[in-house]
N, C-alpha and C. Protein backbone atom coordinates (compact mmCIF):
# COMPACT_ATOMS: atom_id res chain seq x y z
N MET A 1 10.15 246.31 -35.42
CA MET A 1 9.47 247.01 -36.68
C MET A 1 10.04 247.82 -37.75
N ASP A 2 11.39 248.06 -37.80
CA ASP A 2 12.25 248.65 -38.53
C ASP A 2 12.73 247.55 -39.89
N ASP A 3 12.62 246.01 -39.32
CA ASP A 3 12.53 244.86 -39.83
C ASP A 3 11.75 244.09 -40.75
N ILE A 4 10.98 245.36 -40.81
CA ILE A 4 9.45 244.88 -41.74
C ILE A 4 9.02 246.16 -42.50
N VAL A 5 9.11 246.00 -43.76
CA VAL A 5 8.46 247.03 -44.61
C VAL A 5 7.31 246.84 -45.54
N LEU A 6 6.17 247.50 -45.59
CA LEU A 6 5.09 247.31 -46.53
C LEU A 6 5.48 247.71 -47.87
N LEU A 7 5.25 247.01 -48.90
CA LEU A 7 5.26 246.86 -50.29
C LEU A 7 4.23 247.26 -51.08
N LEU A 8 3.66 248.48 -51.29
CA LEU A 8 2.62 248.37 -52.04
C LEU A 8 2.81 248.60 -53.65
N THR A 9 2.20 247.74 -54.18
CA THR A 9 2.66 247.62 -55.57
C THR A 9 1.69 248.34 -56.50
N ALA A 10 1.72 249.07 -57.44
CA ALA A 10 0.79 249.94 -58.13
C ALA A 10 1.04 250.05 -59.61
N CYS A 11 0.00 250.16 -60.59
CA CYS A 11 0.00 250.66 -62.04
C CYS A 11 -1.28 251.14 -62.09
N ILE A 12 -0.85 252.66 -62.23
CA ILE A 12 -2.12 253.81 -62.11
C ILE A 12 -2.72 253.68 -63.57
N ASN A 13 -1.82 253.61 -64.85
CA ASN A 13 -2.40 253.37 -66.04
C ASN A 13 -1.79 252.09 -66.49
N PRO A 14 -3.31 251.20 -66.52
CA PRO A 14 -2.99 249.87 -66.88
C PRO A 14 -2.91 249.80 -68.51
N ASN A 15 -3.48 250.96 -68.97
CA ASN A 15 -3.12 251.13 -70.69
C ASN A 15 -3.58 249.88 -71.49
N GLY A 16 -4.93 249.37 -71.06
CA GLY A 16 -5.59 248.14 -71.52
C GLY A 16 -5.25 246.49 -71.29
N MET A 17 -4.55 246.67 -70.15
CA MET A 17 -3.89 244.95 -69.84
C MET A 17 -5.29 244.44 -69.60
N SER A 18 -5.17 243.65 -70.24
CA SER A 18 -6.39 242.26 -70.39
C SER A 18 -6.11 241.56 -68.77
N TYR A 19 -7.55 241.29 -68.60
CA TYR A 19 -8.24 240.72 -67.12
C TYR A 19 -8.15 242.06 -66.38
N THR A 20 -7.67 243.50 -66.39
CA THR A 20 -7.66 244.67 -65.75
C THR A 20 -9.37 245.49 -65.52
N VAL A 21 -9.92 245.27 -64.59
CA VAL A 21 -11.23 245.46 -64.64
C VAL A 21 -11.28 246.97 -64.36
N VAL A 22 -10.41 247.79 -63.64
CA VAL A 22 -10.64 248.86 -63.69
C VAL A 22 -9.37 249.74 -64.34
N GLN A 23 -10.09 250.34 -65.61
CA GLN A 23 -8.94 251.00 -66.29
C GLN A 23 -8.82 252.47 -66.36
N ASP A 24 -9.99 253.16 -65.61
CA ASP A 24 -9.74 254.64 -65.62
C ASP A 24 -8.63 254.64 -64.47
N ILE A 25 -7.88 255.49 -65.07
CA ILE A 25 -6.38 255.79 -64.61
C ILE A 25 -7.19 257.17 -63.16
N GLU A 26 -8.00 257.80 -63.34
CA GLU A 26 -8.32 258.69 -62.26
C GLU A 26 -9.08 257.92 -60.82
N LEU A 27 -9.73 257.30 -61.56
CA LEU A 27 -10.21 256.31 -60.09
C LEU A 27 -9.13 255.04 -59.65
N ARG A 28 -8.45 254.69 -60.18
CA ARG A 28 -6.99 253.89 -59.93
C ARG A 28 -6.19 254.75 -58.89
N LYS A 29 -6.26 256.12 -59.26
CA LYS A 29 -5.15 256.83 -58.71
C LYS A 29 -5.86 257.06 -57.33
N LYS A 30 -6.79 257.20 -57.10
CA LYS A 30 -8.23 257.69 -56.12
C LYS A 30 -7.79 256.80 -54.96
N GLN A 31 -8.03 255.50 -55.87
CA GLN A 31 -7.71 253.99 -55.12
C GLN A 31 -6.64 253.68 -54.25
N TYR A 32 -5.75 253.72 -55.14
CA TYR A 32 -3.96 254.09 -54.45
C TYR A 32 -3.83 255.17 -53.61
N ARG A 33 -4.49 256.41 -53.67
CA ARG A 33 -4.08 257.27 -52.61
C ARG A 33 -5.09 256.92 -51.32
N GLU A 34 -5.99 256.28 -51.52
CA GLU A 34 -6.87 255.48 -50.54
C GLU A 34 -6.26 254.67 -49.56
N SER A 35 -5.52 253.74 -50.18
CA SER A 35 -5.00 252.70 -49.51
C SER A 35 -3.75 253.12 -49.01
N LEU A 36 -2.93 253.60 -49.47
CA LEU A 36 -1.60 254.33 -49.24
C LEU A 36 -2.08 255.37 -47.76
N SER A 37 -2.79 256.06 -47.87
CA SER A 37 -3.64 257.04 -46.81
C SER A 37 -3.75 256.11 -45.65
N PHE A 38 -4.26 254.80 -45.76
CA PHE A 38 -4.58 254.09 -44.74
C PHE A 38 -3.71 253.30 -44.30
N TYR A 39 -2.67 253.14 -44.64
CA TYR A 39 -1.39 252.35 -44.39
C TYR A 39 -0.80 253.51 -43.48
N LEU A 40 -0.41 254.43 -44.21
CA LEU A 40 0.47 255.82 -43.15
C LEU A 40 -0.69 256.17 -42.41
N THR A 41 -1.56 255.82 -42.18
CA THR A 41 -2.37 256.33 -40.88
C THR A 41 -2.80 255.38 -39.57
N HIS A 42 -2.64 254.07 -39.92
CA HIS A 42 -3.03 253.12 -39.19
C HIS A 42 -1.99 252.04 -38.72
N THR A 43 -0.48 252.05 -39.52
CA THR A 43 0.28 251.68 -39.19
C THR A 43 1.16 252.12 -39.04
N LYS A 44 2.66 251.86 -38.25
CA LYS A 44 4.07 252.61 -37.78
C LYS A 44 5.04 251.88 -39.01
N TYR A 45 4.53 250.78 -39.71
CA TYR A 45 5.77 250.39 -40.99
C TYR A 45 6.24 251.13 -41.88
N LYS A 46 7.38 251.27 -42.28
CA LYS A 46 7.61 251.77 -43.17
C LYS A 46 7.09 251.26 -44.47
N ILE A 47 7.03 252.18 -45.86
CA ILE A 47 6.29 251.81 -46.82
C ILE A 47 6.77 252.21 -48.08
N VAL A 48 6.99 250.98 -48.79
CA VAL A 48 7.59 251.32 -50.37
C VAL A 48 6.48 251.34 -51.33
N PHE A 49 6.15 252.43 -51.74
CA PHE A 49 4.96 252.45 -52.71
C PHE A 49 5.83 252.64 -54.52
N ILE A 50 5.44 251.32 -55.19
CA ILE A 50 6.19 251.41 -56.38
C ILE A 50 5.14 251.05 -57.30
N GLU A 51 5.38 252.00 -58.41
CA GLU A 51 4.15 252.38 -59.50
C GLU A 51 5.08 251.92 -60.92
N ASN A 52 4.71 251.23 -62.08
CA ASN A 52 4.98 250.85 -63.31
C ASN A 52 4.76 251.67 -64.43
N SER A 53 3.57 252.85 -64.22
CA SER A 53 3.26 253.24 -65.59
C SER A 53 3.85 254.75 -65.27
N ASN A 54 4.87 255.10 -64.74
CA ASN A 54 5.32 256.37 -64.89
C ASN A 54 4.73 257.64 -64.06
N ILE A 55 3.83 257.37 -63.44
CA ILE A 55 2.79 258.59 -62.85
C ILE A 55 3.56 258.64 -61.71
N ASP A 56 4.07 259.40 -61.04
CA ASP A 56 4.52 260.01 -59.83
C ASP A 56 3.07 260.68 -58.99
N ILE A 57 3.23 260.31 -58.03
CA ILE A 57 2.34 260.72 -57.07
C ILE A 57 3.19 261.25 -55.83
N SER A 58 4.55 261.25 -56.05
CA SER A 58 5.42 261.35 -54.58
C SER A 58 5.37 263.29 -53.94
N CYS A 59 4.74 263.91 -54.93
CA CYS A 59 4.51 265.33 -54.54
C CYS A 59 3.36 265.36 -53.43
N LEU A 60 2.57 264.58 -53.43
CA LEU A 60 1.36 264.33 -52.48
C LEU A 60 2.09 264.40 -51.10
N TYR A 61 3.43 263.54 -50.98
CA TYR A 61 3.78 262.61 -49.73
C TYR A 61 4.89 262.92 -49.00
N GLN A 62 5.67 264.54 -49.55
CA GLN A 62 6.90 264.76 -49.10
C GLN A 62 7.09 264.97 -47.75
N LYS A 63 6.22 265.44 -47.08
CA LYS A 63 6.07 265.12 -45.55
C LYS A 63 6.94 263.60 -44.95
N GLU A 64 6.12 262.43 -45.87
CA GLU A 64 6.42 261.61 -45.10
C GLU A 64 7.66 260.25 -45.83
N ILE A 65 7.87 260.96 -47.13
CA ILE A 65 9.13 260.52 -47.70
C ILE A 65 10.54 261.46 -47.09
N SER A 66 10.23 263.03 -46.64
CA SER A 66 11.34 263.36 -45.86
C SER A 66 11.40 262.94 -44.38
N GLU A 67 10.74 262.31 -43.61
CA GLU A 67 11.01 261.78 -42.41
C GLU A 67 11.02 260.16 -42.68
N GLY A 68 11.60 259.60 -44.12
CA GLY A 68 11.70 258.55 -43.98
C GLY A 68 10.98 257.23 -43.89
N ARG A 69 9.61 257.97 -43.57
CA ARG A 69 8.64 256.77 -43.70
C ARG A 69 8.02 256.00 -44.71
N LEU A 70 8.34 256.96 -45.83
CA LEU A 70 7.86 256.36 -47.00
C LEU A 70 8.49 256.61 -48.54
N GLU A 71 8.78 255.59 -49.19
CA GLU A 71 9.40 255.68 -50.68
C GLU A 71 8.73 255.69 -51.48
N CYS A 72 8.56 256.23 -52.51
CA CYS A 72 7.94 256.46 -53.89
C CYS A 72 8.76 256.07 -54.95
N ILE A 73 8.60 255.10 -55.56
CA ILE A 73 9.41 254.66 -56.86
C ILE A 73 8.33 254.72 -57.75
N THR A 74 8.89 255.05 -59.13
CA THR A 74 8.08 255.21 -60.10
C THR A 74 9.05 254.69 -61.45
N PHE A 75 8.62 254.14 -62.01
CA PHE A 75 9.41 253.89 -63.20
C PHE A 75 8.99 253.16 -64.65
N ASP A 76 9.06 253.40 -65.76
CA ASP A 76 8.57 252.85 -66.87
C ASP A 76 8.27 251.43 -67.22
N GLY A 77 7.48 250.98 -66.76
CA GLY A 77 7.72 249.43 -66.75
C GLY A 77 6.47 248.59 -67.16
N ASN A 78 5.43 249.37 -67.81
CA ASN A 78 4.23 248.97 -68.41
C ASN A 78 3.92 248.58 -69.74
N ASN A 79 4.98 248.44 -70.59
CA ASN A 79 4.99 248.33 -71.95
C ASN A 79 5.32 247.13 -72.33
N TYR A 80 5.10 246.27 -71.94
CA TYR A 80 5.71 244.63 -72.43
C TYR A 80 4.44 243.81 -73.17
N ASP A 81 4.59 242.68 -73.58
CA ASP A 81 3.31 242.17 -74.26
C ASP A 81 2.58 241.80 -73.31
N ARG A 82 1.23 242.30 -74.08
CA ARG A 82 0.17 242.25 -73.20
C ARG A 82 -0.09 240.98 -72.98
N TYR A 83 0.05 240.07 -73.83
CA TYR A 83 -0.22 238.22 -73.93
C TYR A 83 0.14 237.90 -72.36
N LEU A 84 1.42 238.59 -71.95
CA LEU A 84 1.85 238.10 -70.68
C LEU A 84 0.94 238.23 -69.16
N GLY A 85 0.15 239.71 -69.37
CA GLY A 85 -0.64 239.75 -68.64
C GLY A 85 0.19 240.40 -67.44
N LYS A 86 -1.26 240.96 -66.57
CA LYS A 86 -0.87 241.69 -65.42
C LYS A 86 -0.26 240.96 -64.22
N GLY A 87 -0.13 239.70 -64.19
CA GLY A 87 0.61 239.14 -63.45
C GLY A 87 2.37 239.05 -63.35
N PHE A 88 2.76 238.96 -64.62
CA PHE A 88 3.94 239.51 -65.44
C PHE A 88 4.11 240.77 -64.90
N GLY A 89 3.57 241.78 -64.99
CA GLY A 89 4.05 243.36 -64.75
C GLY A 89 3.88 243.57 -63.26
N GLU A 90 3.21 242.74 -62.33
CA GLU A 90 3.65 242.77 -60.89
C GLU A 90 4.88 242.07 -60.41
N ALA A 91 5.25 240.95 -61.16
CA ALA A 91 6.40 240.34 -61.25
C ALA A 91 7.77 241.42 -61.44
N LEU A 92 7.32 242.03 -62.49
CA LEU A 92 8.43 243.34 -62.79
C LEU A 92 8.26 244.26 -61.53
N ILE A 93 7.47 244.97 -61.21
CA ILE A 93 7.46 245.87 -60.35
C ILE A 93 8.01 245.05 -59.33
N LEU A 94 7.76 243.91 -58.56
CA LEU A 94 8.71 243.35 -57.37
C LEU A 94 9.89 243.36 -57.35
N ASN A 95 10.47 242.91 -58.77
CA ASN A 95 11.67 243.21 -59.36
C ASN A 95 12.51 244.47 -59.29
N TYR A 96 11.88 245.36 -59.78
CA TYR A 96 12.27 246.26 -59.67
C TYR A 96 12.56 247.39 -58.24
N ALA A 97 11.66 246.72 -57.59
CA ALA A 97 11.65 247.27 -55.90
C ALA A 97 12.62 246.65 -55.24
N TYR A 98 13.00 245.58 -55.78
CA TYR A 98 13.93 244.46 -54.81
C TYR A 98 15.02 245.37 -55.16
N ILE A 99 15.44 245.76 -56.72
CA ILE A 99 16.81 246.28 -56.95
C ILE A 99 16.82 247.41 -56.57
N HIS A 100 15.95 248.59 -56.46
CA HIS A 100 16.06 249.85 -56.30
C HIS A 100 15.27 250.37 -54.65
N SER A 101 14.75 249.78 -54.23
CA SER A 101 14.19 250.25 -52.78
C SER A 101 14.99 250.31 -51.80
N LYS A 102 15.51 251.50 -51.37
CA LYS A 102 16.59 251.46 -50.10
C LYS A 102 16.03 251.06 -48.84
N LEU A 103 14.71 251.26 -48.62
CA LEU A 103 13.93 250.48 -47.54
C LEU A 103 14.03 249.13 -47.55
N ILE A 104 13.68 248.29 -48.81
CA ILE A 104 14.03 246.92 -48.54
C ILE A 104 15.35 246.50 -48.10
N ALA A 105 16.25 247.44 -48.79
CA ALA A 105 17.75 247.13 -48.78
C ALA A 105 17.84 246.94 -46.68
N GLN A 106 17.53 247.55 -46.05
CA GLN A 106 17.60 247.96 -44.69
C GLN A 106 16.42 247.19 -44.14
N SER A 107 15.45 246.29 -44.89
CA SER A 107 14.80 245.62 -44.06
C SER A 107 15.31 243.84 -44.40
N HIS A 108 14.24 243.27 -43.27
CA HIS A 108 14.48 241.68 -43.76
C HIS A 108 12.91 241.32 -44.35
N TYR A 109 12.26 241.85 -43.86
CA TYR A 109 10.97 241.25 -44.18
C TYR A 109 9.86 242.16 -45.02
N ILE A 110 9.34 241.75 -46.11
CA ILE A 110 8.53 242.10 -47.18
C ILE A 110 7.17 241.74 -46.89
N VAL A 111 6.41 242.76 -46.76
CA VAL A 111 4.71 242.13 -46.45
C VAL A 111 4.34 243.04 -47.93
N LYS A 112 4.26 242.26 -49.11
CA LYS A 112 3.37 242.52 -50.26
C LYS A 112 1.83 242.94 -50.40
N ILE A 113 1.77 243.86 -50.84
CA ILE A 113 0.20 244.06 -50.60
C ILE A 113 -0.09 244.94 -52.26
N THR A 114 -0.71 244.31 -52.53
CA THR A 114 -1.41 244.80 -54.03
C THR A 114 -2.04 246.14 -53.57
N GLY A 115 -1.43 247.36 -54.19
CA GLY A 115 -1.61 248.87 -53.74
C GLY A 115 -3.13 249.22 -53.74
N ARG A 116 -3.91 248.86 -54.41
CA ARG A 116 -5.46 249.39 -54.49
C ARG A 116 -6.38 248.67 -53.04
N VAL A 117 -5.64 247.91 -52.76
CA VAL A 117 -6.30 246.71 -51.61
C VAL A 117 -6.06 247.32 -50.28
N ILE A 118 -6.77 247.36 -49.55
CA ILE A 118 -6.69 247.84 -47.92
C ILE A 118 -7.19 246.88 -46.90
N VAL A 119 -5.85 246.31 -46.40
CA VAL A 119 -6.28 245.10 -45.74
C VAL A 119 -6.05 245.59 -44.41
N GLU A 120 -7.43 245.55 -43.82
CA GLU A 120 -7.83 245.92 -42.66
C GLU A 120 -7.00 245.58 -41.37
N ASN A 121 -7.01 244.14 -41.27
CA ASN A 121 -6.39 243.77 -40.19
C ASN A 121 -4.94 243.51 -40.41
N VAL A 122 -4.05 244.27 -41.18
CA VAL A 122 -2.58 244.14 -41.69
C VAL A 122 -1.90 243.88 -40.19
N ILE A 123 -1.78 244.52 -39.36
CA ILE A 123 -1.33 244.26 -37.91
C ILE A 123 -1.50 243.18 -37.30
N GLU A 124 -2.48 242.57 -37.19
CA GLU A 124 -2.99 241.27 -36.50
C GLU A 124 -1.96 240.42 -37.59
N LEU A 125 -2.14 240.62 -38.73
CA LEU A 125 -1.95 239.34 -39.69
C LEU A 125 0.01 239.24 -39.51
N ILE A 126 0.35 240.55 -39.46
CA ILE A 126 1.76 240.51 -39.41
C ILE A 126 2.09 240.03 -37.64
N ASP A 127 1.63 240.45 -37.02
CA ASP A 127 1.77 240.14 -35.37
C ASP A 127 1.62 238.11 -34.87
N SER A 128 0.21 237.67 -35.69
CA SER A 128 0.16 236.20 -35.59
C SER A 128 1.20 235.35 -36.35
N CYS A 129 2.31 236.02 -37.01
CA CYS A 129 3.22 235.37 -37.86
C CYS A 129 4.45 235.38 -36.95
N SER A 130 5.00 234.26 -36.93
CA SER A 130 6.38 233.84 -36.24
C SER A 130 7.17 234.14 -37.51
N LEU A 131 7.53 234.90 -37.69
CA LEU A 131 8.37 235.25 -38.80
C LEU A 131 9.89 234.59 -38.72
N ASP A 132 10.34 234.08 -39.86
CA ASP A 132 11.24 233.24 -39.79
C ASP A 132 11.74 233.26 -41.34
N LYS A 133 13.13 233.23 -41.55
CA LYS A 133 13.56 232.98 -42.80
C LYS A 133 13.14 232.09 -43.88
N LYS A 134 12.82 230.78 -43.24
CA LYS A 134 12.44 229.95 -44.56
C LYS A 134 10.74 229.78 -44.54
N SER A 135 10.09 231.03 -43.92
CA SER A 135 8.47 230.85 -44.23
C SER A 135 8.25 232.03 -44.98
N VAL A 136 7.21 231.88 -45.69
CA VAL A 136 6.52 232.64 -46.51
C VAL A 136 4.88 232.43 -46.14
N TYR A 137 4.40 233.62 -45.75
CA TYR A 137 2.86 233.25 -45.15
C TYR A 137 1.87 234.01 -45.84
N CYS A 138 0.83 233.32 -46.59
CA CYS A 138 -0.25 233.68 -47.86
C CYS A 138 -1.31 232.51 -47.97
N GLU A 139 -2.08 233.03 -48.42
CA GLU A 139 -3.11 231.78 -48.58
C GLU A 139 -3.10 230.76 -49.66
N LEU A 140 -2.92 229.69 -49.30
CA LEU A 140 -2.56 228.91 -50.33
C LEU A 140 -3.76 228.00 -51.00
N GLY A 141 -3.62 227.80 -51.92
CA GLY A 141 -5.29 227.06 -52.81
C GLY A 141 -4.43 225.64 -53.25
N LEU A 142 -4.36 224.68 -52.16
CA LEU A 142 -3.88 223.62 -52.60
C LEU A 142 -4.35 222.72 -53.39
N ARG A 143 -5.45 222.74 -53.81
CA ARG A 143 -5.87 221.75 -54.81
C ARG A 143 -5.72 222.64 -55.66
N GLU A 144 -5.92 223.98 -56.32
CA GLU A 144 -5.69 224.39 -57.48
C GLU A 144 -3.60 224.58 -57.62
N LYS A 145 -3.14 224.41 -56.50
CA LYS A 145 -1.63 224.72 -56.80
C LYS A 145 -1.35 226.12 -57.18
N THR A 146 -2.13 227.20 -56.19
CA THR A 146 -1.88 228.44 -56.60
C THR A 146 -1.68 229.11 -55.10
N THR A 147 -1.58 230.36 -54.86
CA THR A 147 -1.79 231.35 -53.87
C THR A 147 -2.61 232.24 -54.10
N VAL A 148 -2.89 232.97 -53.04
CA VAL A 148 -3.68 234.52 -53.07
C VAL A 148 -2.56 235.58 -52.97
N SER A 149 -2.40 236.11 -53.94
CA SER A 149 -0.83 236.67 -54.44
C SER A 149 -1.48 238.21 -53.95
N VAL A 150 -2.50 238.92 -53.52
CA VAL A 150 -3.12 240.25 -53.03
C VAL A 150 -1.75 240.42 -52.19
N PHE A 151 -1.89 239.40 -50.72
CA PHE A 151 -0.89 239.82 -49.60
C PHE A 151 -0.02 238.39 -49.20
N PHE A 152 0.81 239.04 -49.31
CA PHE A 152 1.69 237.87 -48.76
C PHE A 152 2.97 238.31 -47.91
N ILE A 153 3.73 237.58 -47.20
CA ILE A 153 4.71 237.97 -46.24
C ILE A 153 5.62 236.94 -46.47
N ALA A 154 7.32 237.74 -46.76
CA ALA A 154 8.42 236.92 -46.79
C ALA A 154 9.41 237.47 -46.51
N HIS A 155 10.35 236.98 -46.18
CA HIS A 155 11.61 237.23 -45.93
C HIS A 155 12.39 237.87 -47.12
N LYS A 156 13.31 238.99 -47.38
CA LYS A 156 13.30 239.34 -48.39
C LYS A 156 14.40 238.36 -49.11
N ASP A 157 15.24 237.47 -48.70
CA ASP A 157 16.05 236.25 -49.07
C ASP A 157 14.93 235.02 -50.23
N PHE A 158 13.52 235.38 -50.10
CA PHE A 158 12.88 234.42 -51.03
C PHE A 158 12.80 235.25 -52.26
N TYR A 159 12.72 236.27 -52.28
CA TYR A 159 12.53 237.46 -53.36
C TYR A 159 13.07 236.70 -54.75
N PRO A 160 14.62 236.67 -54.30
CA PRO A 160 15.46 236.32 -55.83
C PRO A 160 15.15 234.59 -56.04
N LEU A 161 14.75 233.82 -55.44
CA LEU A 161 14.02 232.60 -55.55
C LEU A 161 12.97 232.71 -56.65
N PHE A 162 11.92 233.26 -56.21
CA PHE A 162 10.62 233.78 -56.86
C PHE A 162 10.47 234.59 -58.29
N LEU A 163 11.72 235.62 -58.13
CA LEU A 163 11.77 236.02 -59.16
C LEU A 163 12.70 235.83 -60.05
N SER A 164 13.33 235.05 -59.98
CA SER A 164 14.41 234.28 -61.01
C SER A 164 13.22 233.41 -61.91
N LYS A 165 12.16 233.44 -61.46
CA LYS A 165 11.07 232.43 -62.45
C LYS A 165 10.04 233.30 -62.70
N ARG A 166 10.36 234.58 -63.12
CA ARG A 166 9.22 235.53 -63.51
C ARG A 166 8.98 235.35 -65.07
N ASN A 167 9.95 235.08 -65.55
CA ASN A 167 9.46 235.18 -66.98
C ASN A 167 8.54 233.55 -67.34
N LEU A 168 8.54 232.76 -66.47
CA LEU A 168 7.36 231.91 -66.62
C LEU A 168 5.94 232.23 -66.60
N ILE A 169 5.50 233.05 -66.06
CA ILE A 169 4.52 233.92 -65.93
C ILE A 169 4.06 234.34 -67.06
N ASN A 170 2.92 233.71 -67.78
CA ASN A 170 2.56 234.29 -69.00
C ASN A 170 0.79 233.70 -68.91
N ASP A 171 -0.11 234.94 -68.50
CA ASP A 171 -1.81 234.34 -68.56
C ASP A 171 -2.23 233.93 -69.50
N PHE A 172 -1.75 234.19 -70.60
CA PHE A 172 -2.07 233.45 -71.88
C PHE A 172 -2.01 231.84 -72.20
N SER A 173 -0.88 231.32 -71.43
CA SER A 173 -0.74 229.97 -71.22
C SER A 173 -0.89 229.37 -69.98
N LYS A 174 -1.89 230.33 -69.16
CA LYS A 174 -2.24 230.02 -67.99
C LYS A 174 -1.50 229.64 -66.68
N CYS A 175 -0.06 230.25 -66.92
CA CYS A 175 0.93 230.09 -66.10
C CYS A 175 1.09 231.59 -65.02
N TYR A 176 0.00 231.58 -64.23
CA TYR A 176 0.05 232.66 -63.45
C TYR A 176 0.53 233.31 -62.27
N PHE A 177 0.74 234.55 -62.02
CA PHE A 177 1.65 235.15 -61.16
C PHE A 177 1.72 233.95 -60.02
N GLU A 178 0.56 233.78 -59.77
CA GLU A 178 -0.08 232.87 -58.21
C GLU A 178 0.50 231.32 -58.43
N LYS A 179 0.43 231.28 -59.39
CA LYS A 179 1.08 229.64 -59.61
C LYS A 179 2.51 229.94 -59.47
N VAL A 180 3.17 230.55 -59.95
CA VAL A 180 4.90 230.57 -59.99
C VAL A 180 4.95 231.08 -58.52
N LEU A 181 4.44 231.93 -57.93
CA LEU A 181 4.81 232.03 -56.18
C LEU A 181 4.07 230.97 -55.71
N PHE A 182 3.58 229.72 -55.65
CA PHE A 182 3.04 228.69 -55.28
C PHE A 182 4.06 227.74 -55.23
N GLN A 183 4.45 227.65 -56.49
CA GLN A 183 6.13 226.76 -57.02
C GLN A 183 7.10 227.10 -56.35
N SER A 184 7.30 228.50 -56.40
CA SER A 184 8.71 229.26 -55.41
C SER A 184 8.38 228.64 -53.79
N ILE A 185 7.58 229.06 -53.40
CA ILE A 185 7.37 228.51 -52.00
C ILE A 185 7.40 227.39 -51.93
N PHE A 186 7.13 226.13 -52.63
CA PHE A 186 7.23 224.84 -52.22
C PHE A 186 8.65 224.47 -52.49
N ARG A 187 9.53 225.17 -53.62
CA ARG A 187 10.80 224.72 -53.91
C ARG A 187 11.72 225.68 -52.77
N MET A 188 11.30 226.47 -51.94
CA MET A 188 12.47 227.19 -50.86
C MET A 188 12.11 226.27 -49.68
N GLU A 189 10.72 225.47 -49.54
CA GLU A 189 10.39 224.48 -48.27
C GLU A 189 11.33 223.41 -48.82
N LYS A 190 11.53 222.64 -50.11
CA LYS A 190 12.46 221.85 -50.04
C LYS A 190 13.99 222.08 -50.22
N GLY A 191 14.39 223.13 -50.31
CA GLY A 191 15.74 223.30 -49.59
C GLY A 191 16.27 224.07 -51.07
N TYR A 192 15.66 224.53 -52.05
CA TYR A 192 16.31 224.83 -53.66
C TYR A 192 16.39 226.12 -53.30
N SER A 193 17.37 226.71 -53.92
CA SER A 193 17.68 228.17 -54.18
C SER A 193 17.50 228.90 -55.10
N SER A 194 17.41 228.23 -55.95
CA SER A 194 17.04 228.99 -57.48
C SER A 194 16.37 227.34 -58.43
């Protein structure tokens, strides 16, 4: 269990990001808190909650933070070109977490979850995977050559391969986060390291 960390990505203030349906900051904050509370209550995994619009909610979770169960990271990373889209921001969040999280540094597997989403069967999904260094578990859209990126499981060694391609993500040119994730999975399977 210490080998696995849940990584909840968050953007409380989308600041007018295109293709972001929920723009209301208070509603988004409520949704993130509900999701975080679910994972704290229904799992035993350590959790990294990382937020990129500089809105810190860590004061609400001091007990969990002091017990080492939760790490809250907040940074100012939501002021990039809006044409790049929310997927580009998601990749920036993952990159920041990979570099700065102490819990990720101590673990081997990262379960990436979009922070406002509650995956009720998260334990069953993790348990059903035979975790190994060369596998990424996610739903593939083979016809579209894309993935579902709301939830995926990968060894932390996968992230440098994927994140090295983050500058390709551009919603305006239809090169979405999910497409770059898909391409990175297939590059890893073919043995390419970057």
